[in-house]
Amino acid sequence: MNPAFVLLDNIPWFAWIAIVAIVFGSLSGVFAAWFKHRERMAMIQQGMNPDSPEHAKAGLPEL
């Protein structure tokens, strides 16, 4: 049998919960950063200053 399957088969069920939470938490952070970057680039393309105080209040809440 493949050693990777043996290793994965020996991980207890409660460890999978932590592994899945870490993976999806990381993916969520990457997606949030990507979305924030796209929103910032769209504002720049439209001629807005995303760093101005009036634009800092509008938009998505911080995660």
PDB file of N, CA and C in Angstrom:
ATOM      1  N   MET A   1       0.847  -1.180   0.000  1.00  0.00           N
ATOM      2  CA  MET A   1       0.000   0.000   0.000  1.00  0.00           C
ATOM      3  C   MET A   1       0.893   1.245   0.000  1.00  0.00           C
ATOM      4  N   ASN A   2       0.393   2.307  -0.590  1.00  0.00           N
ATOM      5  CA  ASN A   2       1.126   3.566  -0.693  1.00  0.00           C
ATOM      6  C   ASN A   2       1.353   4.161   0.707  1.00  0.00           C
ATOM      7  N   PRO A   3       2.580   4.592   1.018  1.00  0.00           N
ATOM      8  CA  PRO A   3       2.850   5.147   2.362  1.00  0.00           C
ATOM      9  C   PRO A   3       1.999   6.369   2.697  1.00  0.00           C
ATOM     10  N   ALA A   4       1.638   7.156   1.693  1.00  0.00           N
ATOM     11  CA  ALA A   4       0.799   8.329   1.955  1.00  0.00           C
ATOM     12  C   ALA A   4      -0.579   7.898   2.446  1.00  0.00           C
ATOM     13  N   PHE A   5      -1.128   6.843   1.861  1.00  0.00           N
ATOM     14  CA  PHE A   5      -2.436   6.352   2.294  1.00  0.00           C
ATOM     15  C   PHE A   5      -2.368   5.760   3.691  1.00  0.00           C
ATOM     16  N   VAL A   6      -1.270   5.120   4.014  1.00  0.00           N
ATOM     17  CA  VAL A   6      -1.099   4.563   5.356  1.00  0.00           C
ATOM     18  C   VAL A   6      -1.059   5.700   6.376  1.00  0.00           C
ATOM     19  N   LEU A   7      -0.337   6.764   6.059  1.00  0.00           N
ATOM     20  CA  LEU A   7      -0.251   7.910   6.960  1.00  0.00           C
ATOM     21  C   LEU A   7      -1.618   8.565   7.139  1.00  0.00           C
ATOM     22  N   LEU A   8      -2.330   8.793   6.039  1.00  0.00           N
ATOM     23  CA  LEU A   8      -3.643   9.430   6.117  1.00  0.00           C
ATOM     24  C   LEU A   8      -4.661   8.546   6.818  1.00  0.00           C
ATOM     25  N   ASP A   9      -4.503   7.242   6.690  1.00  0.00           N
ATOM     26  CA  ASP A   9      -5.431   6.309   7.323  1.00  0.00           C
ATOM     27  C   ASP A   9      -5.224   6.266   8.834  1.00  0.00           C
ATOM     28  N   ASN A  10      -4.038   6.606   9.305  1.00  0.00           N
ATOM     29  CA  ASN A  10      -3.739   6.543  10.734  1.00  0.00           C
ATOM     30  C   ASN A  10      -4.059   7.834  11.481  1.00  0.00           C
ATOM     31  N   ILE A  11      -4.500   8.865  10.790  1.00  0.00           N
ATOM     32  CA  ILE A  11      -4.855  10.124  11.452  1.00  0.00           C
ATOM     33  C   ILE A  11      -6.232   9.958  12.092  1.00  0.00           C
ATOM     34  N   PRO A  12      -6.368  10.285  13.385  1.00  0.00           N
ATOM     35  CA  PRO A  12      -7.673  10.144  14.046  1.00  0.00           C
ATOM     36  C   PRO A  12      -8.695  11.137  13.489  1.00  0.00           C
ATOM     37  N   TRP A  13      -9.966  10.825  13.673  1.00  0.00           N
ATOM     38  CA  TRP A  13     -11.036  11.631  13.089  1.00  0.00           C
ATOM     39  C   TRP A  13     -11.021  13.059  13.609  1.00  0.00           C
ATOM     40  N   PHE A  14     -10.695  13.268  14.881  1.00  0.00           N
ATOM     41  CA  PHE A  14     -10.728  14.621  15.435  1.00  0.00           C
ATOM     42  C   PHE A  14      -9.597  15.485  14.886  1.00  0.00           C
ATOM     43  N   ALA A  15      -8.519  14.880  14.419  1.00  0.00           N
ATOM     44  CA  ALA A  15      -7.439  15.652  13.806  1.00  0.00           C
ATOM     45  C   ALA A  15      -7.865  16.174  12.435  1.00  0.00           C
ATOM     46  N   TRP A  16      -8.741  15.439  11.757  1.00  0.00           N
ATOM     47  CA  TRP A  16      -9.231  15.889  10.453  1.00  0.00           C
ATOM     48  C   TRP A  16     -10.014  17.191  10.583  1.00  0.00           C
ATOM     49  N   ILE A  17     -10.714  17.358  11.705  1.00  0.00           N
ATOM     50  CA  ILE A  17     -11.470  18.597  11.915  1.00  0.00           C
ATOM     51  C   ILE A  17     -10.517  19.790  11.953  1.00  0.00           C
ATOM     52  N   ALA A  18      -9.417  19.645  12.673  1.00  0.00           N
ATOM     53  CA  ALA A  18      -8.436  20.728  12.752  1.00  0.00           C
ATOM     54  C   ALA A  18      -7.769  20.972  11.400  1.00  0.00           C
ATOM     55  N   ILE A  19      -7.445  19.910  10.694  1.00  0.00           N
ATOM     56  CA  ILE A  19      -6.791  20.044   9.388  1.00  0.00           C
ATOM     57  C   ILE A  19      -7.708  20.779   8.410  1.00  0.00           C
ATOM     58  N   VAL A  20      -8.969  20.382   8.379  1.00  0.00           N
ATOM     59  CA  VAL A  20      -9.932  21.018   7.472  1.00  0.00           C
ATOM     60  C   VAL A  20     -10.143  22.479   7.860  1.00  0.00           C
ATOM     61  N   ALA A  21     -10.216  22.772   9.162  1.00  0.00           N
ATOM     62  CA  ALA A  21     -10.396  24.155   9.610  1.00  0.00           C
ATOM     63  C   ALA A  21      -9.206  25.019   9.209  1.00  0.00           C
ATOM     64  N   ILE A  22      -8.003  24.502   9.336  1.00  0.00           N
ATOM     65  CA  ILE A  22      -6.809  25.260   8.959  1.00  0.00           C
ATOM     66  C   ILE A  22      -6.777  25.512   7.457  1.00  0.00           C
ATOM     67  N   VAL A  23      -7.075  24.485   6.674  1.00  0.00           N
ATOM     68  CA  VAL A  23      -7.044  24.623   5.212  1.00  0.00           C
ATOM     69  C   VAL A  23      -8.093  25.631   4.746  1.00  0.00           C
ATOM     70  N   PHE A  24      -9.330  25.480   5.214  1.00  0.00           N
ATOM     71  CA  PHE A  24     -10.378  26.381   4.755  1.00  0.00           C
ATOM     72  C   PHE A  24     -10.218  27.785   5.333  1.00  0.00           C
ATOM     73  N   GLY A  25      -9.672  27.913   6.526  1.00  0.00           N
ATOM     74  CA  GLY A  25      -9.379  29.235   7.072  1.00  0.00           C
ATOM     75  C   GLY A  25      -8.323  29.949   6.251  1.00  0.00           C
ATOM     76  N   SER A  26      -7.310  29.205   5.835  1.00  0.00           N
ATOM     77  CA  SER A  26      -6.263  29.788   4.993  1.00  0.00           C
ATOM     78  C   SER A  26      -6.821  30.194   3.634  1.00  0.00           C
ATOM     79  N   LEU A  27      -7.630  29.329   3.045  1.00  0.00           N
ATOM     80  CA  LEU A  27      -8.238  29.655   1.752  1.00  0.00           C
ATOM     81  C   LEU A  27      -9.158  30.865   1.867  1.00  0.00           C
ATOM     82  N   SER A  28      -9.866  30.974   2.965  1.00  0.00           N
ATOM     83  CA  SER A  28     -10.739  32.125   3.181  1.00  0.00           C
ATOM     84  C   SER A  28      -9.929  33.413   3.261  1.00  0.00           C
ATOM     85  N   GLY A  29      -8.805  33.374   3.944  1.00  0.00           N
ATOM     86  CA  GLY A  29      -7.938  34.550   4.035  1.00  0.00           C
ATOM     87  C   GLY A  29      -7.362  34.948   2.696  1.00  0.00           C
ATOM     88  N   VAL A  30      -6.950  33.960   1.914  1.00  0.00           N
ATOM     89  CA  VAL A  30      -6.402  34.241   0.584  1.00  0.00           C
ATOM     90  C   VAL A  30      -7.482  34.846  -0.305  1.00  0.00           C
ATOM     91  N   PHE A  31      -8.693  34.291  -0.265  1.00  0.00           N
ATOM     92  CA  PHE A  31      -9.784  34.806  -1.084  1.00  0.00           C
ATOM     93  C   PHE A  31     -10.158  36.228  -0.668  1.00  0.00           C
ATOM     94  N   ALA A  32     -10.181  36.502   0.631  1.00  0.00           N
ATOM     95  CA  ALA A  32     -10.513  37.852   1.103  1.00  0.00           C
ATOM     96  C   ALA A  32      -9.467  38.860   0.634  1.00  0.00           C
ATOM     97  N   ALA A  33      -8.196  38.482   0.696  1.00  0.00           N
ATOM     98  CA  ALA A  33      -7.131  39.385   0.236  1.00  0.00           C
ATOM     99  C   ALA A  33      -7.229  39.609  -1.267  1.00  0.00           C
ATOM    100  N   TRP A  34      -7.525  38.550  -2.010  1.00  0.00           N
ATOM    101  CA  TRP A  34      -7.662  38.652  -3.467  1.00  0.00           C
ATOM    102  C   TRP A  34      -8.829  39.570  -3.826  1.00  0.00           C
ATOM    103  N   PHE A  35      -9.955  39.405  -3.131  1.00  0.00           N
ATOM    104  CA  PHE A  35     -11.130  40.224  -3.410  1.00  0.00           C
ATOM    105  C   PHE A  35     -10.864  41.690  -3.073  1.00  0.00           C
ATOM    106  N   LYS A  36     -10.203  41.938  -1.956  1.00  0.00           N
ATOM    107  CA  LYS A  36      -9.878  43.310  -1.558  1.00  0.00           C
ATOM    108  C   LYS A  36      -8.934  43.957  -2.574  1.00  0.00           C
ATOM    109  N   HIS A  37      -7.990  43.191  -3.088  1.00  0.00           N
ATOM    110  CA  HIS A  37      -7.061  43.706  -4.097  1.00  0.00           C
ATOM    111  C   HIS A  37      -7.804  44.056  -5.386  1.00  0.00           C
ATOM    112  N   ARG A  38      -8.717  43.181  -5.821  1.00  0.00           N
ATOM    113  CA  ARG A  38      -9.487  43.458  -7.043  1.00  0.00           C
ATOM    114  C   ARG A  38     -10.351  44.700  -6.874  1.00  0.00           C
ATOM    115  N   GLU A  39     -10.943  44.855  -5.693  1.00  0.00           N
ATOM    116  CA  GLU A  39     -11.767  46.034  -5.439  1.00  0.00           C
ATOM    117  C   GLU A  39     -10.905  47.301  -5.479  1.00  0.00           C
ATOM    118  N   ARG A  40      -9.713  47.220  -4.918  1.00  0.00           N
ATOM    119  CA  ARG A  40      -8.797  48.370  -4.919  1.00  0.00           C
ATOM    120  C   ARG A  40      -8.371  48.716  -6.348  1.00  0.00           C
ATOM    121  N   MET A  41      -8.056  47.713  -7.161  1.00  0.00           N
ATOM    122  CA  MET A  41      -7.650  47.955  -8.545  1.00  0.00           C
ATOM    123  C   MET A  41      -8.801  48.553  -9.352  1.00  0.00           C
ATOM    124  N   ALA A  42     -10.029  48.115  -9.088  1.00  0.00           N
ATOM    125  CA  ALA A  42     -11.182  48.679  -9.792  1.00  0.00           C
ATOM    126  C   ALA A  42     -11.372  50.149  -9.432  1.00  0.00           C
ATOM    127  N   MET A  43     -11.155  50.492  -8.173  1.00  0.00           N
ATOM    128  CA  MET A  43     -11.265  51.896  -7.762  1.00  0.00           C
ATOM    129  C   MET A  43     -10.196  52.741  -8.445  1.00  0.00           C
ATOM    130  N   ILE A  44      -8.982  52.232  -8.536  1.00  0.00           N
ATOM    131  CA  ILE A  44      -7.898  52.973  -9.184  1.00  0.00           C
ATOM    132  C   ILE A  44      -8.196  53.160 -10.669  1.00  0.00           C
ATOM    133  N   GLN A  45      -8.729  52.123 -11.330  1.00  0.00           N
ATOM    134  CA  GLN A  45      -9.055  52.223 -12.753  1.00  0.00           C
ATOM    135  C   GLN A  45     -10.148  53.252 -13.008  1.00  0.00           C
ATOM    136  N   GLN A  46     -11.034  53.446 -12.047  1.00  0.00           N
ATOM    137  CA  GLN A  46     -12.110  54.419 -12.207  1.00  0.00           C
ATOM    138  C   GLN A  46     -11.693  55.820 -11.775  1.00  0.00           C
ATOM    139  N   GLY A  47     -10.438  55.971 -11.377  1.00  0.00           N
ATOM    140  CA  GLY A  47      -9.927  57.283 -11.023  1.00  0.00           C
ATOM    141  C   GLY A  47     -10.154  57.682  -9.579  1.00  0.00           C
ATOM    142  N   MET A  48     -10.554  56.744  -8.739  1.00  0.00           N
ATOM    143  CA  MET A  48     -10.762  57.046  -7.327  1.00  0.00           C
ATOM    144  C   MET A  48      -9.477  56.793  -6.552  1.00  0.00           C
ATOM    145  N   ASN A  49      -9.354  57.461  -5.422  1.00  0.00           N
ATOM    146  CA  ASN A  49      -8.224  57.240  -4.529  1.00  0.00           C
ATOM    147  C   ASN A  49      -8.694  56.322  -3.399  1.00  0.00           C
ATOM    148  N   PRO A  50      -8.299  55.045  -3.412  1.00  0.00           N
ATOM    149  CA  PRO A  50      -8.789  54.121  -2.384  1.00  0.00           C
ATOM    150  C   PRO A  50      -8.235  54.411  -0.994  1.00  0.00           C
ATOM    151  N   ASP A  51      -7.207  55.256  -0.895  1.00  0.00           N
ATOM    152  CA  ASP A  51      -6.615  55.574   0.404  1.00  0.00           C
ATOM    153  C   ASP A  51      -7.215  56.816   1.047  1.00  0.00           C
ATOM    154  N   SER A  52      -8.140  57.473   0.354  1.00  0.00           N
ATOM    155  CA  SER A  52      -8.729  58.686   0.917  1.00  0.00           C
ATOM    156  C   SER A  52      -9.658  58.318   2.078  1.00  0.00           C
ATOM    157  N   PRO A  53      -9.828  59.226   3.040  1.00  0.00           N
ATOM    158  CA  PRO A  53     -10.659  58.921   4.214  1.00  0.00           C
ATOM    159  C   PRO A  53     -12.118  58.634   3.874  1.00  0.00           C
ATOM    160  N   GLU A  54     -12.662  59.269   2.840  1.00  0.00           N
ATOM    161  CA  GLU A  54     -14.068  59.037   2.498  1.00  0.00           C
ATOM    162  C   GLU A  54     -14.285  57.632   1.942  1.00  0.00           C
ATOM    163  N   HIS A  55     -13.278  57.058   1.293  1.00  0.00           N
ATOM    164  CA  HIS A  55     -13.411  55.701   0.780  1.00  0.00           C
ATOM    165  C   HIS A  55     -13.057  54.658   1.831  1.00  0.00           C
ATOM    166  N   ALA A  56     -12.381  55.059   2.863  1.00  0.00           N
ATOM    167  CA  ALA A  56     -12.016  54.116   3.919  1.00  0.00           C
ATOM    168  C   ALA A  56     -13.248  53.677   4.702  1.00  0.00           C
ATOM    169  N   LYS A  57     -14.242  54.552   4.804  1.00  0.00           N
ATOM    170  CA  LYS A  57     -15.460  54.210   5.544  1.00  0.00           C
ATOM    171  C   LYS A  57     -16.368  53.305   4.728  1.00  0.00           C
ATOM    172  N   ALA A  58     -16.419  53.495   3.424  1.00  0.00           N
ATOM    173  CA  ALA A  58     -17.266  52.687   2.557  1.00  0.00           C
ATOM    174  C   ALA A  58     -16.535  51.402   2.199  1.00  0.00           C
ATOM    175  N   GLY A  59     -17.290  50.415   1.791  1.00  0.00           N
ATOM    176  CA  GLY A  59     -16.671  49.164   1.367  1.00  0.00           C
ATOM    177  C   GLY A  59     -16.962  48.035   2.330  1.00  0.00           C
ATOM    178  N   LEU A  60     -16.184  46.995   2.204  1.00  0.00           N
ATOM    179  CA  LEU A  60     -16.389  45.808   3.019  1.00  0.00           C
ATOM    180  C   LEU A  60     -15.821  45.997   4.419  1.00  0.00           C
ATOM    181  N   PRO A  61     -16.473  45.411   5.416  1.00  0.00           N
ATOM    182  CA  PRO A  61     -15.907  45.471   6.766  1.00  0.00           C
ATOM    183  C   PRO A  61     -14.657  44.606   6.850  1.00  0.00           C
ATOM    184  N   GLU A  62     -13.768  44.965   7.748  1.00  0.00           N
ATOM    185  CA  GLU A  62     -12.536  44.195   7.926  1.00  0.00           C
ATOM    186  C   GLU A  62     -12.870  42.837   8.514  1.00  0.00           C
ATOM    187  N   LEU A  63     -12.136  41.827   8.084  1.00  0.00           N
ATOM    188  CA  LEU A  63     -12.356  40.471   8.599  1.00  0.00           C
ATOM    189  C   LEU A  63     -11.552  40.225   9.835  1.00  0.00           C
TER     190      LEU A  63
END
